[in-house]
């Protein structure tokens, strides 16, 4: 089924038009015509099976056949990700969205070499949001992650939410496996975590002072094995484990 994104404020009616970007793709790339069926995701849990009522080169009007609301995944996961250089962060946004992350906080830690000027932050977030939109269309998730503006490490420490499980990928001695951390929580609480937060550092890793600050928030240091992973690989690997372990219905 062909999937498109229309935000909730534009898709409440029984008949509505796709935003211009989506309409152009539908009419000029996929070449939808009157009578063709499609699925619309609103990024807030809404899934609409629709039929094309009218199509031009720049506009597409659809009628809703069925509408449903899907609950979010049982364990909202926040990713606090130090911004790596090059296109790696875009890859992280794409894959994190496919893995069901609820919130992404781009982090400007001490060893981040990327300089994001305040005047450019909004454009960056808009680009990342568009990548996330394409990702939910690909994987079929009706939930669009919240992507925040890049934030300094000091501010991030003040803004992180309280969660059941908080972990930080670490190269330092004394780190434990993620499975051990999750098993310990389940044993102590007799349930699985209802929310989680993951810290991933930059190419040069977090500094010792940053690790200490994160630890004071209650984060457990986890190892990702004997090999040193790139920042984007570390994020995807850890999120894959969290998705597998935590995204099951809470009994």
C-alpha atoms as a PDB file:
ATOM      1  CA  UNK A   1       0.000   0.000   0.000  1.00  0.00           C
ATOM      2  CA  UNK A   2       1.289   3.476  -0.908  1.00  0.00           C
ATOM      3  CA  UNK A   3       1.839   5.568   2.234  1.00  0.00           C
ATOM      4  CA  UNK A   4       1.751   9.349   2.607  1.00  0.00           C
ATOM      5  CA  UNK A   5       2.080  11.782   5.492  1.00  0.00           C
ATOM      6  CA  UNK A   6      -0.494  14.424   6.361  1.00  0.00           C
ATOM      7  CA  UNK A   7      -0.279  16.061   9.808  1.00  0.00           C
ATOM      8  CA  UNK A   8      -3.318  15.802  12.106  1.00  0.00           C
ATOM      9  CA  UNK A   9      -4.404  19.418  11.651  1.00  0.00           C
ATOM     10  CA  UNK A  10      -4.758  18.836   7.890  1.00  0.00           C
ATOM     11  CA  UNK A  11      -6.356  15.381   7.924  1.00  0.00           C
ATOM     12  CA  UNK A  12      -9.270  15.624  10.350  1.00  0.00           C
ATOM     13  CA  UNK A  13     -12.011  15.790   7.755  1.00  0.00           C
ATOM     14  CA  UNK A  14     -13.577  13.021   5.694  1.00  0.00           C
ATOM     15  CA  UNK A  15     -12.110  14.699   2.612  1.00  0.00           C
ATOM     16  CA  UNK A  16      -8.792  16.577   2.543  1.00  0.00           C
ATOM     17  CA  UNK A  17      -5.848  17.451   0.328  1.00  0.00           C
ATOM     18  CA  UNK A  18      -2.302  16.202   0.665  1.00  0.00           C
ATOM     19  CA  UNK A  19       0.365  18.856   1.342  1.00  0.00           C
ATOM     20  CA  UNK A  20       2.059  20.032  -1.842  1.00  0.00           C
ATOM     21  CA  UNK A  21       5.242  18.001  -1.327  1.00  0.00           C
ATOM     22  CA  UNK A  22       3.275  14.781  -0.807  1.00  0.00           C
ATOM     23  CA  UNK A  23       0.859  15.617  -3.630  1.00  0.00           C
ATOM     24  CA  UNK A  24       3.688  16.148  -6.114  1.00  0.00           C
ATOM     25  CA  UNK A  25       5.195  12.797  -5.200  1.00  0.00           C
ATOM     26  CA  UNK A  26       1.827  11.083  -5.475  1.00  0.00           C
ATOM     27  CA  UNK A  27       0.892  12.552  -8.842  1.00  0.00           C
ATOM     28  CA  UNK A  28       4.244  12.982 -10.600  1.00  0.00           C
ATOM     29  CA  UNK A  29       6.264  10.047  -9.265  1.00  0.00           C
ATOM     30  CA  UNK A  30       3.739   7.359  -8.312  1.00  0.00           C
ATOM     31  CA  UNK A  31       1.169   8.792 -10.756  1.00  0.00           C
ATOM     32  CA  UNK A  32      -1.930   8.206  -8.659  1.00  0.00           C
ATOM     33  CA  UNK A  33      -5.247   8.861 -10.347  1.00  0.00           C
ATOM     34  CA  UNK A  34      -8.885   9.127  -9.313  1.00  0.00           C
ATOM     35  CA  UNK A  35     -10.053   5.887  -7.754  1.00  0.00           C
ATOM     36  CA  UNK A  36      -6.597   4.744  -6.621  1.00  0.00           C
ATOM     37  CA  UNK A  37      -6.221   3.749  -2.975  1.00  0.00           C
ATOM     38  CA  UNK A  38      -3.552   4.935  -0.538  1.00  0.00           C
ATOM     39  CA  UNK A  39      -2.742   5.035   3.161  1.00  0.00           C
ATOM     40  CA  UNK A  40      -2.278   8.302   5.046  1.00  0.00           C
ATOM     41  CA  UNK A  41      -0.294   8.471   8.304  1.00  0.00           C
ATOM     42  CA  UNK A  42      -0.659  11.539  10.510  1.00  0.00           C
ATOM     43  CA  UNK A  43       2.390  10.988  12.764  1.00  0.00           C
ATOM     44  CA  UNK A  44       0.226  11.007  15.883  1.00  0.00           C
ATOM     45  CA  UNK A  45      -1.159   7.476  15.724  1.00  0.00           C
ATOM     46  CA  UNK A  46      -3.686   8.018  12.956  1.00  0.00           C
ATOM     47  CA  UNK A  47      -3.910   5.611  10.011  1.00  0.00           C
ATOM     48  CA  UNK A  48      -6.378   6.383   7.214  1.00  0.00           C
ATOM     49  CA  UNK A  49      -7.198   4.197   4.247  1.00  0.00           C
ATOM     50  CA  UNK A  50      -8.202   6.613   1.511  1.00  0.00           C
ATOM     51  CA  UNK A  51      -9.228   6.796  -2.128  1.00  0.00           C
ATOM     52  CA  UNK A  52      -8.207   9.534  -4.568  1.00  0.00           C
ATOM     53  CA  UNK A  53     -11.113  11.832  -5.449  1.00  0.00           C
ATOM     54  CA  UNK A  54      -9.230  14.220  -7.718  1.00  0.00           C
ATOM     55  CA  UNK A  55      -5.644  14.634  -8.888  1.00  0.00           C
ATOM     56  CA  UNK A  56      -3.703  17.343 -10.714  1.00  0.00           C
ATOM     57  CA  UNK A  57       0.048  17.868 -11.110  1.00  0.00           C
ATOM     58  CA  UNK A  58       0.222  19.887  -7.871  1.00  0.00           C
ATOM     59  CA  UNK A  59      -2.761  18.717  -5.828  1.00  0.00           C
ATOM     60  CA  UNK A  60      -4.382  15.517  -4.649  1.00  0.00           C
ATOM     61  CA  UNK A  61      -7.731  15.303  -2.874  1.00  0.00           C
ATOM     62  CA  UNK A  62      -8.609  12.110  -1.014  1.00  0.00           C
ATOM     63  CA  UNK A  63     -11.659  10.708   0.744  1.00  0.00           C
ATOM     64  CA  UNK A  64     -11.282   8.659   3.917  1.00  0.00           C
ATOM     65  CA  UNK A  65     -12.657   5.116   3.697  1.00  0.00           C
ATOM     66  CA  UNK A  66     -11.563   3.938   7.149  1.00  0.00           C
ATOM     67  CA  UNK A  67      -9.820   5.660  10.025  1.00  0.00           C
ATOM     68  CA  UNK A  68      -8.103   4.077  13.015  1.00  0.00           C
ATOM     69  CA  UNK A  69      -5.836   5.126  15.855  1.00  0.00           C
ATOM     70  CA  UNK A  70      -2.908   2.945  16.841  1.00  0.00           C
ATOM     71  CA  UNK A  71      -1.454   3.120  20.319  1.00  0.00           C
ATOM     72  CA  UNK A  72       2.204   4.098  20.629  1.00  0.00           C
ATOM     73  CA  UNK A  73       4.802   1.471  21.435  1.00  0.00           C
ATOM     74  CA  UNK A  74       4.616   0.407  25.107  1.00  0.00           C
ATOM     75  CA  UNK A  75       8.027   1.834  26.055  1.00  0.00           C
ATOM     76  CA  UNK A  76       8.803   5.349  24.768  1.00  0.00           C
ATOM     77  CA  UNK A  77      12.546   5.608  24.128  1.00  0.00           C
ATOM     78  CA  UNK A  78      14.459   8.888  24.073  1.00  0.00           C
ATOM     79  CA  UNK A  79      17.766   9.031  22.190  1.00  0.00           C
ATOM     80  CA  UNK A  80      20.244  11.685  23.311  1.00  0.00           C
ATOM     81  CA  UNK A  81      22.727  11.585  20.442  1.00  0.00           C
ATOM     82  CA  UNK A  82      25.931  13.602  20.128  1.00  0.00           C
ATOM     83  CA  UNK A  83      25.984  14.902  16.561  1.00  0.00           C
ATOM     84  CA  UNK A  84      28.616  13.136  14.437  1.00  0.00           C
ATOM     85  CA  UNK A  85      30.211  14.775  11.423  1.00  0.00           C
ATOM     86  CA  UNK A  86      29.022  14.239   7.870  1.00  0.00           C
ATOM     87  CA  UNK A  87      25.708  12.581   7.004  1.00  0.00           C
ATOM     88  CA  UNK A  88      25.854  10.106   9.911  1.00  0.00           C
ATOM     89  CA  UNK A  89      23.246  11.955  11.991  1.00  0.00           C
ATOM     90  CA  UNK A  90      20.764  11.776   9.130  1.00  0.00           C
ATOM     91  CA  UNK A  91      21.301   8.021   9.043  1.00  0.00           C
ATOM     92  CA  UNK A  92      20.714   7.881  12.803  1.00  0.00           C
ATOM     93  CA  UNK A  93      17.430   9.790  12.471  1.00  0.00           C
ATOM     94  CA  UNK A  94      16.283   7.452   9.713  1.00  0.00           C
ATOM     95  CA  UNK A  95      17.105   4.227  11.508  1.00  0.00           C
ATOM     96  CA  UNK A  96      16.006   5.449  14.951  1.00  0.00           C
ATOM     97  CA  UNK A  97      12.613   6.310  13.467  1.00  0.00           C
ATOM     98  CA  UNK A  98      12.317   2.858  11.913  1.00  0.00           C
ATOM     99  CA  UNK A  99      13.154   1.386  15.332  1.00  0.00           C
ATOM    100  CA  UNK A 100      10.316   3.313  16.967  1.00  0.00           C
ATOM    101  CA  UNK A 101      12.173   5.980  18.943  1.00  0.00           C
ATOM    102  CA  UNK A 102       9.782   8.519  20.483  1.00  0.00           C
ATOM    103  CA  UNK A 103      12.168  11.440  20.947  1.00  0.00           C
ATOM    104  CA  UNK A 104      15.572  12.475  19.574  1.00  0.00           C
ATOM    105  CA  UNK A 105      17.735  15.089  21.295  1.00  0.00           C
ATOM    106  CA  UNK A 106      20.719  16.180  19.154  1.00  0.00           C
ATOM    107  CA  UNK A 107      23.592  16.843  21.525  1.00  0.00           C
ATOM    108  CA  UNK A 108      26.510  19.266  21.268  1.00  0.00           C
ATOM    109  CA  UNK A 109      28.938  17.669  23.720  1.00  0.00           C
ATOM    110  CA  UNK A 110      32.523  18.813  24.237  1.00  0.00           C
ATOM    111  CA  UNK A 111      34.093  16.632  21.544  1.00  0.00           C
ATOM    112  CA  UNK A 112      31.440  17.228  18.886  1.00  0.00           C
ATOM    113  CA  UNK A 113      33.204  18.833  15.924  1.00  0.00           C
ATOM    114  CA  UNK A 114      30.027  19.902  14.133  1.00  0.00           C
ATOM    115  CA  UNK A 115      29.144  23.564  14.612  1.00  0.00           C
ATOM    116  CA  UNK A 116      25.399  24.233  14.487  1.00  0.00           C
ATOM    117  CA  UNK A 117      24.756  27.966  14.590  1.00  0.00           C
ATOM    118  CA  UNK A 118      21.529  29.041  16.278  1.00  0.00           C
ATOM    119  CA  UNK A 119      20.319  30.630  13.034  1.00  0.00           C
ATOM    120  CA  UNK A 120      20.729  27.293  11.242  1.00  0.00           C
ATOM    121  CA  UNK A 121      19.124  25.096  13.904  1.00  0.00           C
ATOM    122  CA  UNK A 122      15.547  25.410  12.635  1.00  0.00           C
ATOM    123  CA  UNK A 123      16.567  24.417   9.106  1.00  0.00           C
ATOM    124  CA  UNK A 124      18.478  21.421  10.480  1.00  0.00           C
ATOM    125  CA  UNK A 125      15.488  20.246  12.499  1.00  0.00           C
ATOM    126  CA  UNK A 126      13.196  20.663   9.498  1.00  0.00           C
ATOM    127  CA  UNK A 127      15.541  18.511   7.388  1.00  0.00           C
ATOM    128  CA  UNK A 128      15.714  15.842  10.099  1.00  0.00           C
ATOM    129  CA  UNK A 129      11.928  15.902  10.437  1.00  0.00           C
ATOM    130  CA  UNK A 130      11.552  15.278   6.715  1.00  0.00           C
ATOM    131  CA  UNK A 131      13.913  12.305   6.979  1.00  0.00           C
ATOM    132  CA  UNK A 132      11.778  10.958   9.839  1.00  0.00           C
ATOM    133  CA  UNK A 133       8.616  11.453   7.771  1.00  0.00           C
ATOM    134  CA  UNK A 134      10.072   9.433   4.914  1.00  0.00           C
ATOM    135  CA  UNK A 135      11.033   6.759   7.430  1.00  0.00           C
ATOM    136  CA  UNK A 136       7.544   6.321   8.889  1.00  0.00           C
ATOM    137  CA  UNK A 137       6.160   6.118   5.377  1.00  0.00           C
ATOM    138  CA  UNK A 138       8.647   3.357   4.611  1.00  0.00           C
ATOM    139  CA  UNK A 139       8.126   1.322   7.774  1.00  0.00           C
ATOM    140  CA  UNK A 140       4.431   2.033   8.303  1.00  0.00           C
ATOM    141  CA  UNK A 141       4.673   3.556  11.769  1.00  0.00           C
ATOM    142  CA  UNK A 142       1.920   6.116  12.433  1.00  0.00           C
ATOM    143  CA  UNK A 143       4.071   7.807  15.106  1.00  0.00           C
ATOM    144  CA  UNK A 144       6.540  10.536  14.172  1.00  0.00           C
ATOM    145  CA  UNK A 145       9.358  11.040  16.684  1.00  0.00           C
ATOM    146  CA  UNK A 146       9.799  14.441  18.303  1.00  0.00           C
ATOM    147  CA  UNK A 147      13.133  15.845  17.110  1.00  0.00           C
ATOM    148  CA  UNK A 148      14.424  18.731  19.183  1.00  0.00           C
ATOM    149  CA  UNK A 149      16.856  21.527  18.339  1.00  0.00           C
ATOM    150  CA  UNK A 150      20.535  20.814  19.047  1.00  0.00           C
ATOM    151  CA  UNK A 151      21.339  21.473  22.688  1.00  0.00           C
ATOM    152  CA  UNK A 152      24.556  21.941  24.644  1.00  0.00           C
ATOM    153  CA  UNK A 153      25.622  19.239  27.073  1.00  0.00           C
ATOM    154  CA  UNK A 154      25.058  21.460  30.121  1.00  0.00           C
ATOM    155  CA  UNK A 155      21.517  22.255  29.038  1.00  0.00           C
ATOM    156  CA  UNK A 156      20.775  18.654  28.157  1.00  0.00           C
ATOM    157  CA  UNK A 157      21.642  17.572  31.691  1.00  0.00           C
ATOM    158  CA  UNK A 158      18.974  19.944  32.988  1.00  0.00           C
ATOM    159  CA  UNK A 159      16.326  18.869  30.476  1.00  0.00           C
ATOM    160  CA  UNK A 160      16.439  15.068  30.354  1.00  0.00           C
ATOM    161  CA  UNK A 161      13.223  13.482  31.646  1.00  0.00           C
ATOM    162  CA  UNK A 162      12.981  11.022  34.495  1.00  0.00           C
ATOM    163  CA  UNK A 163      12.757   7.490  33.134  1.00  0.00           C
ATOM    164  CA  UNK A 164      12.695   3.937  34.438  1.00  0.00           C
ATOM    165  CA  UNK A 165      15.912   2.993  32.654  1.00  0.00           C
ATOM    166  CA  UNK A 166      18.703   5.328  31.559  1.00  0.00           C
ATOM    167  CA  UNK A 167      21.875   4.001  29.933  1.00  0.00           C
ATOM    168  CA  UNK A 168      24.972   5.449  28.302  1.00  0.00           C
ATOM    169  CA  UNK A 169      27.132   3.598  25.805  1.00  0.00           C
ATOM    170  CA  UNK A 170      30.612   3.631  27.284  1.00  0.00           C
ATOM    171  CA  UNK A 171      34.168   2.634  26.450  1.00  0.00           C
ATOM    172  CA  UNK A 172      35.246   2.978  30.077  1.00  0.00           C
ATOM    173  CA  UNK A 173      36.044   0.079  32.385  1.00  0.00           C
ATOM    174  CA  UNK A 174      33.241  -1.237  34.573  1.00  0.00           C
ATOM    175  CA  UNK A 175      30.514  -1.036  31.941  1.00  0.00           C
ATOM    176  CA  UNK A 176      27.870  -3.774  32.009  1.00  0.00           C
ATOM    177  CA  UNK A 177      25.830  -5.413  29.300  1.00  0.00           C
ATOM    178  CA  UNK A 178      22.483  -3.917  28.376  1.00  0.00           C
ATOM    179  CA  UNK A 179      20.823  -7.278  28.961  1.00  0.00           C
ATOM    180  CA  UNK A 180      22.136  -7.277  32.534  1.00  0.00           C
ATOM    181  CA  UNK A 181      20.760  -3.786  33.155  1.00  0.00           C
ATOM    182  CA  UNK A 182      17.309  -4.661  31.800  1.00  0.00           C
ATOM    183  CA  UNK A 183      17.188  -7.988  33.612  1.00  0.00           C
ATOM    184  CA  UNK A 184      18.091  -6.264  36.871  1.00  0.00           C
ATOM    185  CA  UNK A 185      15.241  -3.793  36.465  1.00  0.00           C
ATOM    186  CA  UNK A 186      12.724  -6.526  35.666  1.00  0.00           C
ATOM    187  CA  UNK A 187      13.824  -8.582  38.670  1.00  0.00           C
ATOM    188  CA  UNK A 188      13.664  -5.654  41.069  1.00  0.00           C
ATOM    189  CA  UNK A 189      10.417  -4.121  39.789  1.00  0.00           C
ATOM    190  CA  UNK A 190       8.669  -7.289  38.541  1.00  0.00           C
ATOM    191  CA  UNK A 191       7.731  -5.514  35.338  1.00  0.00           C
ATOM    192  CA  UNK A 192       9.449  -4.188  32.252  1.00  0.00           C
ATOM    193  CA  UNK A 193      10.457  -0.510  31.993  1.00  0.00           C
ATOM    194  CA  UNK A 194       7.730   1.891  30.923  1.00  0.00           C
ATOM    195  CA  UNK A 195      10.207   4.362  29.409  1.00  0.00           C
ATOM    196  CA  UNK A 196      13.919   4.504  28.668  1.00  0.00           C
ATOM    197  CA  UNK A 197      16.646   6.942  27.642  1.00  0.00           C
ATOM    198  CA  UNK A 198      19.869   6.254  25.770  1.00  0.00           C
ATOM    199  CA  UNK A 199      22.985   8.453  25.613  1.00  0.00           C
ATOM    200  CA  UNK A 200      25.371   7.999  22.668  1.00  0.00           C
ATOM    201  CA  UNK A 201      28.558  10.059  22.539  1.00  0.00           C
ATOM    202  CA  UNK A 202      30.511  11.527  19.619  1.00  0.00           C
ATOM    203  CA  UNK A 203      33.394   9.975  17.675  1.00  0.00           C
ATOM    204  CA  UNK A 204      35.820  11.016  20.410  1.00  0.00           C
ATOM    205  CA  UNK A 205      33.478   9.685  23.136  1.00  0.00           C
ATOM    206  CA  UNK A 206      32.180  11.620  26.120  1.00  0.00           C
ATOM    207  CA  UNK A 207      34.762  13.183  28.408  1.00  0.00           C
ATOM    208  CA  UNK A 208      35.248  11.818  31.927  1.00  0.00           C
ATOM    209  CA  UNK A 209      33.453  14.871  33.329  1.00  0.00           C
ATOM    210  CA  UNK A 210      30.511  14.273  31.006  1.00  0.00           C
ATOM    211  CA  UNK A 211      30.335  10.614  32.002  1.00  0.00           C
ATOM    212  CA  UNK A 212      30.264  11.659  35.644  1.00  0.00           C
ATOM    213  CA  UNK A 213      27.449  14.142  35.005  1.00  0.00           C
ATOM    214  CA  UNK A 214      25.423  11.514  33.148  1.00  0.00           C
ATOM    215  CA  UNK A 215      26.028   8.978  35.920  1.00  0.00           C
ATOM    216  CA  UNK A 216      24.661  11.456  38.485  1.00  0.00           C
ATOM    217  CA  UNK A 217      21.378  11.381  36.584  1.00  0.00           C
ATOM    218  CA  UNK A 218      21.168   7.654  37.277  1.00  0.00           C
ATOM    219  CA  UNK A 219      22.461   6.378  33.944  1.00  0.00           C
ATOM    220  CA  UNK A 220      24.117   2.969  33.885  1.00  0.00           C
ATOM    221  CA  UNK A 221      27.203   2.590  31.689  1.00  0.00           C
ATOM    222  CA  UNK A 222      26.788  -0.185  29.131  1.00  0.00           C
ATOM    223  CA  UNK A 223      29.304  -1.928  26.912  1.00  0.00           C
ATOM    224  CA  UNK A 224      28.587  -2.727  23.281  1.00  0.00           C
ATOM    225  CA  UNK A 225      31.247  -5.403  23.094  1.00  0.00           C
ATOM    226  CA  UNK A 226      34.999  -5.541  22.466  1.00  0.00           C
ATOM    227  CA  UNK A 227      34.914  -3.590  19.200  1.00  0.00           C
ATOM    228  CA  UNK A 228      34.807   0.215  19.016  1.00  0.00           C
ATOM    229  CA  UNK A 229      31.711   1.211  17.054  1.00  0.00           C
ATOM    230  CA  UNK A 230      31.109   4.388  15.122  1.00  0.00           C
ATOM    231  CA  UNK A 231      28.564   6.737  16.704  1.00  0.00           C
ATOM    232  CA  UNK A 232      25.825   5.864  14.225  1.00  0.00           C
ATOM    233  CA  UNK A 233      26.506   2.135  14.489  1.00  0.00           C
ATOM    234  CA  UNK A 234      26.433   2.338  18.293  1.00  0.00           C
ATOM    235  CA  UNK A 235      23.068   4.102  18.227  1.00  0.00           C
ATOM    236  CA  UNK A 236      21.472   1.634  15.817  1.00  0.00           C
ATOM    237  CA  UNK A 237      22.883  -1.412  17.616  1.00  0.00           C
ATOM    238  CA  UNK A 238      21.680  -0.276  21.036  1.00  0.00           C
ATOM    239  CA  UNK A 239      18.269   0.854  19.813  1.00  0.00           C
ATOM    240  CA  UNK A 240      17.795  -2.501  18.102  1.00  0.00           C
ATOM    241  CA  UNK A 241      18.345  -4.279  21.413  1.00  0.00           C
ATOM    242  CA  UNK A 242      16.047  -1.896  23.290  1.00  0.00           C
ATOM    243  CA  UNK A 243      13.368  -2.276  20.636  1.00  0.00           C
ATOM    244  CA  UNK A 244      13.543  -6.067  20.830  1.00  0.00           C
ATOM    245  CA  UNK A 245      13.598  -6.213  24.628  1.00  0.00           C
ATOM    246  CA  UNK A 246      11.155  -3.458  25.551  1.00  0.00           C
ATOM    247  CA  UNK A 247       8.555  -3.054  22.828  1.00  0.00           C
ATOM    248  CA  UNK A 248       6.291  -5.833  24.008  1.00  0.00           C
ATOM    249  CA  UNK A 249       2.872  -5.310  25.576  1.00  0.00           C
ATOM    250  CA  UNK A 250       3.122  -4.766  29.326  1.00  0.00           C
ATOM    251  CA  UNK A 251       1.226  -7.583  31.035  1.00  0.00           C
END
